[in-house]
């Protein structure tokens, strides 16, 4: 009986540490970047964006690129790449990232297999 209790305690300790790690990893920076990018995307869709928003776009994208799962979720939810491309075309038409973003937006990942599929 002692062995079962030890295994249960070990299991609970591992689950607890995993939960704490998850909470720490997705702390305020990721949530802030997620919220800011959603707001910037909404402004871009409503044609209320300004050229000065580029700093916010870049900082939010940089933070989310460190967390690919969150980046992909937001891209799937609001079309992050397409919206950022729209923003750059409107305010910075000579930006060097435009060609790369256009190529990236032509392909989306299949939800089931994670394969790139041409739209």
Protein backbone atom coordinates (compact mmCIF):
# COMPACT_ATOMS: atom_id res chain seq x y z
CA UNK A 1 0.00 0.00 0.00
CA UNK A 2 2.91 2.34 0.69
CA UNK A 3 4.09 2.04 -2.90
CA UNK A 4 0.74 3.10 -4.32
CA UNK A 5 0.67 6.20 -2.13
CA UNK A 6 4.21 7.12 -3.21
CA UNK A 7 3.30 6.72 -6.88
CA UNK A 8 0.22 8.88 -6.43
CA UNK A 9 2.27 11.57 -4.68
CA UNK A 10 4.89 11.45 -7.43
CA UNK A 11 2.19 11.77 -10.08
CA UNK A 12 0.59 14.73 -8.29
CA UNK A 13 3.99 16.41 -7.89
CA UNK A 14 4.70 16.05 -11.62
CA UNK A 15 1.28 17.41 -12.56
CA UNK A 16 1.72 20.32 -10.12
CA UNK A 17 5.15 21.21 -11.49
CA UNK A 18 3.84 21.05 -15.05
CA UNK A 19 0.98 23.36 -14.17
CA UNK A 20 3.34 25.86 -12.49
CA UNK A 21 5.67 25.76 -15.48
CA UNK A 22 2.76 26.44 -17.83
CA UNK A 23 1.58 29.37 -15.70
CA UNK A 24 5.06 30.84 -15.57
CA UNK A 25 5.74 30.40 -19.29
CA UNK A 26 2.50 32.02 -20.42
CA UNK A 27 2.75 34.91 -18.04
CA UNK A 28 1.86 38.52 -18.60
CA UNK A 29 4.08 39.14 -21.62
CA UNK A 30 2.38 36.55 -23.79
CA UNK A 31 -1.11 37.58 -22.72
CA UNK A 32 -0.29 41.25 -23.29
CA UNK A 33 1.15 40.55 -26.75
CA UNK A 34 -1.88 38.40 -27.62
CA UNK A 35 -4.30 41.13 -26.56
CA UNK A 36 -2.35 43.91 -28.31
CA UNK A 37 -2.14 42.00 -31.57
CA UNK A 38 -5.87 41.32 -31.52
CA UNK A 39 -6.53 45.03 -30.99
CA UNK A 40 -4.10 46.01 -33.77
CA UNK A 41 -5.74 43.53 -36.12
CA UNK A 42 -9.15 45.00 -35.34
CA UNK A 43 -7.84 48.52 -35.99
CA UNK A 44 -6.34 47.40 -39.30
CA UNK A 45 -9.59 45.79 -40.43
CA UNK A 46 -11.53 48.93 -39.52
CA UNK A 47 -8.99 51.15 -41.39
CA UNK A 48 -8.12 52.95 -38.16
CA UNK A 49 -4.47 51.89 -38.07
CA UNK A 50 -1.66 54.44 -38.03
CA UNK A 51 1.95 54.15 -39.16
CA UNK A 52 3.17 54.43 -35.55
CA UNK A 53 1.62 51.06 -34.71
CA UNK A 54 4.56 49.27 -36.32
CA UNK A 55 6.50 49.20 -33.05
CA UNK A 56 3.57 47.50 -31.30
CA UNK A 57 3.16 45.01 -34.15
CA UNK A 58 6.84 44.09 -34.09
CA UNK A 59 7.08 43.73 -30.32
CA UNK A 60 3.93 41.60 -30.16
CA UNK A 61 5.02 39.38 -33.03
CA UNK A 62 8.49 38.98 -31.55
CA UNK A 63 7.04 37.88 -28.21
CA UNK A 64 4.58 35.43 -29.77
CA UNK A 65 7.23 33.93 -32.06
CA UNK A 66 8.88 32.59 -28.90
CA UNK A 67 5.65 30.66 -28.25
CA UNK A 68 4.72 28.96 -31.54
CA UNK A 69 1.52 27.41 -30.19
CA UNK A 70 0.11 30.78 -29.19
CA UNK A 71 1.29 32.32 -32.46
CA UNK A 72 -0.45 29.63 -34.51
CA UNK A 73 -3.64 29.92 -32.44
CA UNK A 74 -3.78 33.67 -32.98
CA UNK A 75 -2.98 33.28 -36.67
CA UNK A 76 -5.80 30.80 -37.01
CA UNK A 77 -8.20 32.95 -34.97
CA UNK A 78 -7.70 36.34 -36.61
CA UNK A 79 -5.52 35.72 -39.67
CA UNK A 80 -2.49 37.37 -38.10
CA UNK A 81 -0.18 37.12 -41.11
CA UNK A 82 -2.76 38.41 -43.57
CA UNK A 83 -3.67 41.30 -41.28
CA UNK A 84 -0.03 42.26 -40.74
CA UNK A 85 0.50 42.08 -44.49
CA UNK A 86 -2.47 44.40 -45.01
CA UNK A 87 -1.03 46.80 -42.43
CA UNK A 88 2.40 46.85 -44.09
CA UNK A 89 0.96 47.33 -47.58
CA UNK A 90 -1.07 50.28 -46.36
CA UNK A 91 1.59 52.08 -44.32
CA UNK A 92 4.97 50.72 -45.49
CA UNK A 93 4.65 49.58 -49.14
CA UNK A 94 8.45 49.41 -49.60
CA UNK A 95 9.05 47.15 -46.58
CA UNK A 96 11.40 44.26 -47.33
CA UNK A 97 9.21 41.73 -45.51
CA UNK A 98 6.30 42.05 -47.92
CA UNK A 99 7.41 39.34 -50.37
CA UNK A 100 8.10 36.87 -47.58
CA UNK A 101 4.73 37.58 -45.96
CA UNK A 102 2.91 37.23 -49.28
CA UNK A 103 4.52 33.83 -49.78
CA UNK A 104 3.65 32.77 -46.22
CA UNK A 105 0.02 33.81 -46.54
CA UNK A 106 -0.46 31.75 -49.69
CA UNK A 107 -0.03 28.59 -47.64
CA UNK A 108 -1.91 27.59 -44.55
CA UNK A 109 -1.38 24.62 -42.28
CA UNK A 110 -3.86 21.78 -42.37
CA UNK A 111 -5.42 21.43 -38.92
CA UNK A 112 -5.11 17.66 -38.79
CA UNK A 113 -1.75 16.87 -40.36
CA UNK A 114 0.12 20.16 -39.98
CA UNK A 115 0.93 20.13 -43.68
CA UNK A 116 1.11 23.25 -45.80
CA UNK A 117 -1.81 23.51 -48.18
CA UNK A 118 -2.08 26.05 -50.98
CA UNK A 119 -5.22 28.20 -50.79
